[in-house]
Protein backbone atom coordinates (compact mmCIF):
# COMPACT_ATOMS: atom_id res chain seq x y z
CA MET A 1 0.00 0.18 0.09
CA ASP A 2 1.14 3.08 -1.44
CA LYS A 3 1.59 6.27 0.93
CA ASP A 4 -1.25 8.01 -1.19
CA HIS A 5 -2.96 5.20 -0.51
CA LEU A 6 -2.79 5.45 2.73
CA VAL A 7 -3.34 9.59 2.94
CA LEU A 8 -6.75 9.07 1.34
CA MET A 9 -8.06 6.18 3.12
CA LEU A 10 -6.77 8.52 6.10
CA LYS A 11 -9.00 11.09 5.50
CA SER A 12 -12.42 9.17 5.76
CA GLN A 13 -10.85 7.06 8.77
CA PRO A 14 -8.83 9.55 11.16
CA ASN A 15 -9.06 7.81 13.99
CA SER A 16 -7.77 4.45 12.39
CA PRO A 17 -4.84 3.32 14.28
CA SER A 18 -3.45 0.58 11.74
CA LEU A 19 -3.11 3.55 8.63
CA HIS A 20 -1.23 5.76 11.18
CA TYR A 21 1.09 3.09 11.84
CA LYS A 22 1.17 1.81 8.16
CA LEU A 23 1.92 5.85 7.34
CA GLY A 24 4.48 5.76 10.10
CA LEU A 25 5.77 2.58 8.91
CA TRP A 26 6.23 3.77 5.41
CA TYR A 27 8.32 7.60 6.13
CA ARG A 28 10.22 5.40 8.61
CA SER A 29 11.36 3.04 5.80
CA ARG A 30 12.51 5.54 3.82
CA GLY A 31 14.56 7.35 6.85
CA GLN A 32 11.98 10.23 7.52
CA ILE A 33 12.14 9.05 10.96
CA LYS A 34 10.40 13.29 12.47
CA GLU A 35 7.37 12.22 10.20
CA ALA A 36 7.81 8.57 11.05
CA ALA A 37 7.03 9.25 14.80
CA LEU A 38 4.55 11.85 14.36
CA TYR A 39 2.42 9.11 12.27
CA LEU A 40 3.89 6.55 14.98
CA GLU A 41 2.86 8.42 17.83
CA LYS A 42 -1.26 9.32 16.76
CA ALA A 43 -1.18 5.26 16.85
CA LEU A 44 0.02 4.44 20.21
CA HIS A 45 -2.80 7.57 20.86
CA TYR A 46 -5.22 6.26 18.91
CA THR A 47 -5.01 2.68 20.30
CA ARG A 48 -5.09 3.66 23.70
CA ASP A 49 -8.68 5.65 23.12
CA GLN A 50 -9.84 2.54 22.12
CA ALA A 51 -8.66 0.01 24.14
CA HIS A 52 -11.67 -0.68 26.05
CA ASP A 53 -13.89 -0.46 23.38
CA ALA A 54 -14.39 -4.64 22.40
CA SER A 55 -16.22 -3.37 19.02
CA TYR A 56 -13.67 -2.11 17.61
CA ARG A 57 -11.11 -3.87 15.57
CA ASP A 58 -8.75 -1.72 14.03
CA ILE A 59 -6.11 -3.47 15.75
CA PHE A 60 -1.98 -3.33 14.29
CA ASP A 61 1.22 -4.36 16.07
CA GLU A 62 0.79 -2.46 19.57
CA PRO A 63 4.06 -3.81 21.02
CA HIS A 64 6.55 -3.28 17.33
CA GLY A 65 4.79 0.38 16.96
CA TRP A 66 6.22 0.90 20.58
CA LEU A 67 9.41 -0.45 19.73
CA GLU A 68 9.82 1.79 17.06
CA TYR A 69 8.47 4.35 18.40
CA GLY A 70 11.12 4.14 21.18
CA LYS A 71 13.92 3.79 18.18
CA MET A 72 12.75 7.24 16.95
CA MET A 73 12.87 9.12 20.19
CA ARG A 74 16.20 8.00 20.44
CA LEU A 75 17.24 9.28 17.18
CA GLU A 76 15.41 12.64 18.10
CA GLY A 77 17.57 13.03 21.42
CA HIS A 78 14.37 12.57 23.20
CA ILE A 79 15.67 9.82 25.75
CA GLN A 80 12.72 10.00 28.30
CA GLN A 81 10.52 8.99 25.95
CA ALA A 82 12.33 6.30 24.17
CA GLU A 83 12.28 4.50 27.41
CA GLU A 84 9.11 4.83 28.38
CA SER A 85 8.64 3.37 24.91
CA PHE A 86 10.51 0.39 25.71
CA LEU A 87 9.00 0.05 29.29
CA GLN A 88 5.68 -0.23 27.61
CA CYS A 89 7.19 -2.68 25.06
CA LEU A 90 8.68 -4.91 27.81
CA LYS A 91 4.88 -4.32 29.32
CA LEU A 92 3.75 -5.88 26.53
CA GLY A 93 5.61 -9.50 26.20
CA LYS A 94 6.49 -9.01 22.74
CA TYR A 95 9.44 -7.84 21.39
CA VAL A 96 11.44 -8.05 24.88
CA LEU A 97 14.95 -8.49 23.35
CA GLU A 98 14.62 -5.83 21.37
CA SER A 99 13.30 -3.66 23.50
CA MET A 100 16.14 -4.30 25.83
CA VAL A 101 18.86 -4.57 23.52
CA GLU A 102 17.92 -0.50 22.36
CA TRP A 103 16.99 0.62 25.68
CA GLY A 104 20.91 -1.37 26.86
CA ALA A 105 22.40 0.72 23.80
CA MET A 106 20.40 3.82 24.56
CA MET A 107 22.31 3.32 28.10
CA HIS A 108 25.07 2.10 27.10
CA ASP A 109 26.12 5.63 25.02
CA SER A 110 24.74 8.35 27.74
CA GLY A 111 27.99 6.64 29.30
CA MET A 112 26.29 4.37 32.41
CA CYS A 113 28.37 1.30 33.30
CA ASP A 114 27.79 -2.07 32.81
CA ALA A 115 26.65 -3.12 35.44
CA ASP A 116 24.41 -0.43 35.56
CA ILE A 117 22.41 -1.31 32.82
CA SER A 118 21.87 -4.76 33.79
CA TYR A 119 20.63 -3.89 37.13
CA THR A 120 18.33 -1.63 35.36
CA LEU A 121 16.76 -4.21 32.48
CA GLN A 122 16.74 -6.59 35.57
CA SER A 123 14.77 -4.99 37.93
CA VAL A 124 11.64 -4.59 35.49
CA SER A 125 10.71 -8.41 36.32
CA ASP A 126 12.77 -11.00 38.22
CA ASN A 127 11.31 -14.46 36.75
CA ILE A 128 13.54 -16.20 35.33
CA THR A 129 12.45 -16.08 31.43
CA HIS A 130 13.14 -12.03 32.37
CA LYS A 131 16.32 -12.69 33.30
CA LEU A 132 17.95 -14.92 30.56
CA LEU A 133 16.62 -12.15 27.98
CA THR A 134 18.10 -9.62 30.39
CA ALA A 135 21.50 -12.05 29.67
CA HIS A 136 20.91 -12.16 26.44
CA SER A 137 20.62 -9.08 25.39
CA LEU A 138 23.85 -7.69 27.66
CA TRP A 139 25.64 -10.86 25.15
CA VAL A 140 24.37 -8.81 22.27
CA LEU A 141 25.41 -5.49 23.91
CA GLY A 142 28.90 -6.95 24.30
CA ALA A 143 28.32 -7.01 28.31
CA TYR A 144 30.01 -10.43 28.49
CA ASN A 145 30.78 -10.16 32.46
CA GLU A 146 27.47 -8.92 33.52
CA ALA A 147 25.83 -11.55 30.91
CA LEU A 148 27.61 -14.06 32.42
CA LEU A 149 27.00 -13.29 36.25
CA ILE A 150 23.07 -13.83 35.25
CA TYR A 151 23.47 -17.41 32.93
CA LYS A 152 25.84 -18.57 36.48
CA SER A 153 23.29 -17.78 38.78
CA LEU A 154 20.16 -19.48 37.77
CA THR A 155 19.35 -23.19 37.92
CA LEU A 156 17.70 -24.31 34.41
CA SER A 157 16.59 -27.29 32.56
CA ARG A 158 18.32 -29.36 30.17
CA ASP A 159 16.43 -28.36 27.92
CA VAL A 160 16.06 -24.79 28.21
CA TRP A 161 19.34 -24.45 29.00
CA VAL A 162 20.38 -26.21 25.19
CA GLU A 163 18.17 -23.32 23.75
CA HIS A 164 20.10 -20.93 25.05
CA LEU A 165 23.86 -22.58 26.04
CA MET A 166 25.51 -20.66 22.98
CA PRO A 167 25.54 -17.25 24.10
CA TYR A 168 26.19 -18.41 27.96
CA VAL A 169 28.90 -20.25 25.85
CA SER A 170 30.37 -17.18 24.10
CA CYS A 171 30.35 -15.36 27.43
CA LEU A 172 32.31 -17.62 28.73
CA ILE A 173 34.54 -17.10 26.00
CA GLN A 174 34.99 -13.71 25.10
CA THR A 175 35.74 -13.60 29.01
CA GLY A 176 38.75 -15.92 28.57
CA GLU A 177 36.78 -19.25 30.62
CA CYS A 178 37.87 -21.80 27.67
CA ASN A 179 37.89 -24.56 29.89
CA GLU A 180 34.65 -23.75 31.28
CA ALA A 181 32.59 -23.49 27.87
CA LEU A 182 34.97 -26.86 26.64
CA SER A 183 33.38 -28.52 30.20
CA LEU A 184 29.59 -27.31 29.36
CA LEU A 185 29.67 -28.21 26.01
CA LYS A 186 30.51 -31.30 26.24
CA GLN A 187 28.32 -31.99 29.20
CA TYR A 188 25.18 -31.07 26.43
CA SER A 189 26.43 -32.74 23.59
CA THR A 190 27.49 -36.57 26.04
CA GLU A 191 24.58 -38.06 23.47
CA SER A 192 25.92 -36.88 20.20
CA GLN A 193 29.22 -34.65 19.16
CA HIS A 194 26.65 -33.41 16.58
CA LEU A 195 24.04 -31.97 18.95
CA LEU A 196 23.18 -29.02 16.95
CA LEU A 197 22.25 -24.89 18.61
CA LYS A 198 20.82 -22.26 18.01
CA MET A 199 22.42 -18.72 18.45
CA GLY A 200 20.12 -16.37 16.73
CA GLN A 201 19.43 -17.63 13.40
CA GLN A 202 22.34 -19.05 12.98
CA ARG A 203 22.27 -23.28 13.74
CA ILE A 204 25.28 -24.17 14.70
CA MET A 205 27.42 -27.43 15.73
CA ALA A 206 28.47 -28.67 19.33
CA SER A 207 31.84 -30.07 17.33
CA GLU A 208 32.13 -27.05 15.48
CA ALA A 209 31.71 -24.92 19.16
CA LEU A 210 34.09 -27.87 21.06
CA TYR A 211 36.46 -27.18 18.65
CA VAL A 212 37.12 -23.26 18.73
CA CYS A 213 37.30 -23.59 22.25
CA SER A 214 40.18 -26.19 21.67
CA TRP A 215 41.68 -24.55 19.68
CA CYS A 216 41.89 -20.93 21.83
CA ILE A 217 42.70 -23.40 24.76
CA ASN A 218 45.75 -24.51 22.28
CA ARG A 219 46.45 -21.22 20.67
CA GLY A 220 46.45 -23.78 17.44
CA GLN A 221 47.94 -26.01 18.36
CA ASP A 222 47.84 -30.31 18.48
CA VAL A 223 43.98 -29.79 17.10
CA PRO A 224 42.64 -32.46 14.38
CA LEU A 225 43.25 -30.88 10.66
CA LEU A 226 39.98 -30.16 9.42
CA SER A 227 38.37 -30.85 5.91
CA CYS A 228 38.26 -27.77 4.02
CA PHE A 229 34.16 -27.88 4.73
CA GLU A 230 34.42 -28.40 8.30
CA ALA A 231 36.94 -25.66 8.54
CA LEU A 232 34.83 -23.18 7.12
CA GLU A 233 31.78 -24.29 8.86
CA THR A 234 34.43 -24.30 12.29
CA ALA A 235 35.26 -20.71 11.29
CA LYS A 236 32.08 -19.59 10.99
CA THR A 237 31.29 -20.82 14.19
CA SER A 238 33.94 -18.77 15.41
CA ILE A 239 32.67 -15.40 14.31
CA ALA A 240 29.18 -16.55 15.65
CA LEU A 241 31.24 -17.31 19.13
CA GLY A 242 33.07 -13.89 18.36
CA LYS A 243 37.06 -15.11 18.04
CA VAL A 244 37.42 -13.36 14.59
CA GLU A 245 41.35 -14.04 15.04
CA GLU A 246 41.33 -17.48 15.35
CA ALA A 247 38.29 -18.14 12.70
CA ILE A 248 40.70 -16.20 9.81
CA ALA A 249 43.70 -18.72 10.86
CA MET A 250 41.60 -21.48 10.53
CA MET A 251 41.40 -20.58 7.05
CA ASN A 252 44.60 -21.20 4.73
CA LEU A 253 44.00 -20.22 2.14
CA PRO A 254 40.45 -19.58 1.42
CA THR A 255 38.71 -19.78 -2.00
CA ASN A 256 37.48 -16.99 -3.71
CA HIS A 257 33.45 -18.89 -2.32
CA GLU A 258 34.95 -19.34 0.70
CA LYS A 259 35.44 -15.47 1.25
CA ASN A 260 32.06 -14.43 0.20
CA GLU A 261 30.88 -17.29 2.92
CA LEU A 262 33.55 -15.44 5.70
CA ILE A 263 32.73 -11.57 4.15
CA TYR A 264 29.16 -12.51 4.79
CA THR A 265 29.68 -14.27 7.92
CA LEU A 266 31.38 -11.26 9.37
CA TYR A 267 28.84 -8.86 8.46
CA GLN A 268 26.01 -10.78 9.60
CA HIS A 269 27.58 -10.95 13.36
CA GLY A 270 28.18 -7.09 13.59
CA TYR A 271 32.04 -6.95 11.91
CA ARG A 272 30.44 -4.06 9.82
CA ASP A 273 33.74 -2.55 9.36
CA MET A 274 35.80 -5.68 8.99
CA ALA A 275 33.40 -7.16 6.70
CA SER A 276 33.49 -3.96 4.36
CA SER A 277 37.40 -3.64 4.63
CA MET A 278 37.58 -7.26 2.71
CA LEU A 279 34.56 -6.30 0.22
CA GLU A 280 36.98 -3.24 -0.77
CA GLU A 281 39.48 -5.73 -1.38
CA MET A 282 37.59 -7.74 -3.54
CA GLN A 283 38.77 -6.67 -7.47
CA GLU A 284 34.70 -6.92 -8.27
CA LEU A 285 31.35 -8.23 -6.97
CA PRO A 286 29.80 -11.37 -8.42
CA LEU A 287 26.83 -9.20 -9.62
CA TYR A 288 26.17 -12.30 -12.19
CA ASP A 289 26.54 -15.35 -10.26
CA ARG A 290 22.95 -16.69 -9.44
CA ASN A 291 24.24 -18.61 -6.31
CA GLN A 292 22.67 -17.53 -3.16
CA ILE A 293 25.73 -16.38 -1.42
CA SER A 294 26.76 -14.58 -3.92
CA LEU A 295 23.41 -12.34 -3.63
CA ASP A 296 23.85 -12.23 -0.34
CA LEU A 297 27.05 -10.51 -0.35
CA CYS A 298 26.55 -8.38 -3.37
CA PHE A 299 22.91 -7.13 -1.06
CA ILE A 300 25.03 -5.92 1.67
CA ALA A 301 27.60 -4.40 -0.38
CA ALA A 302 25.02 -1.70 -1.48
CA GLU A 303 23.61 -1.67 1.89
CA ILE A 304 26.99 -0.83 2.95
CA HIS A 305 27.22 1.63 0.20
CA TYR A 306 23.28 2.98 1.59
CA ASP A 307 24.52 3.67 4.65
CA PHE A 308 27.41 6.02 3.65
CA GLY A 309 24.68 7.64 1.58
CA ASP A 310 26.15 6.19 -2.16
CA TYR A 311 22.87 5.94 -2.83
CA GLN A 312 23.64 5.61 -6.78
CA THR A 313 25.63 2.81 -6.61
CA ALA A 314 23.67 0.92 -3.79
CA ALA A 315 20.78 1.41 -6.33
CA SER A 316 22.44 -0.21 -9.06
CA ILE A 317 23.90 -2.43 -6.78
CA PHE A 318 20.57 -4.02 -6.04
CA GLU A 319 19.22 -3.34 -9.92
CA SER A 320 21.93 -5.31 -10.89
CA ILE A 321 21.03 -8.16 -7.67
CA PHE A 322 17.40 -7.91 -9.12
CA THR A 323 18.61 -7.92 -12.90
CA THR A 324 20.36 -11.28 -11.80
CA GLU A 325 17.40 -13.04 -10.08
CA PRO A 326 14.35 -11.44 -10.47
CA THR A 327 12.81 -13.81 -7.88
CA HIS A 328 15.33 -11.62 -5.32
CA THR A 329 12.44 -9.72 -3.17
CA PRO A 330 14.60 -7.74 -0.75
CA SER A 331 16.49 -6.21 -4.03
CA ARG A 332 13.45 -5.25 -5.87
CA LEU A 333 12.09 -3.54 -2.93
CA CYS A 334 15.20 -1.19 -2.19
CA CYS A 335 15.76 -1.16 -5.85
CA SER A 336 12.30 -0.03 -6.38
CA PHE A 337 12.75 2.60 -3.28
CA LEU A 338 16.33 4.07 -5.04
CA SER A 339 14.68 4.97 -8.27
CA LEU A 340 12.39 7.33 -6.63
CA THR A 341 13.55 10.91 -7.39
CA ALA A 342 17.28 12.42 -4.95
CA ASN A 343 15.29 14.38 -2.47
CA ASP A 344 12.67 11.26 -2.16
CA CYS A 345 15.57 8.72 -2.01
CA ILE A 346 17.87 11.17 0.73
CA PRO A 347 16.61 10.22 4.44
CA TYR A 348 16.37 13.04 7.13
CA SER A 349 19.46 13.94 9.28
């Protein structure tokens, strides 16, 4: 639904939360933060007004509205309003991890120490689920010591631990407790060394994490040799666990495809400067390869150019991806957006 259609509908339904919400997201997607915040504020206002009207069906994803509004207030420097928005999101019980990460990042930017950030996030609730999500958010924020304190304070069932094992192991590795990480992994993978574990959107094998721990303990000496495939997958796991130098060392003279995989993994796990540097070292992007990793690599290259304000180059790359693979929906959407006029493309500051 485009902007003109939404504006037209709002003329007949001026108190519609969902229409204001959709228009707010439209402006948000174009970087026009002030306009987006205005419409999300209206959506949240009308939702509160209609909260007690059971017959009213004009609903939208209110927790997401609070999350996005809080992010916008943070960008605008309205710290108190941002904090109130993240708290509302937490109270509604949806997008909890995302809200904690945003709130925690905002507190960090204000100069608050990790211990105080941890205390503030934990003060919202004392149930175990909230504590686990607090630890996870602190891990995302890089507050490994504080996250580790929470993980070590909890006594949980095996099933719950397996679900949260990789952030816990990552914290142990990041704080130099690799022997403890190794012991913990062995404890939870006794039935199968190929136990699959979840870390964000990534699925990794316990055997790969065990290898990373052994590599860190032995500084790369006296560790088993891996096949090319095993080395690549283990290096990607090492990146996910925050051991980037070790990941690079595991790969001896990587092929172009392996380099592409490493760059993509680095970017996905937040090492964007390093990924950008490695992209710059490439003689050319694989713009006309149809395999998925090449398309993904070109897509993040376009995102990097967009983030630096180089909209023409970003649009050109998005268009090339779409030409090579017309079913690549994100590129089609981005290409359509960036093909607008220059004024439409440039986000508001």
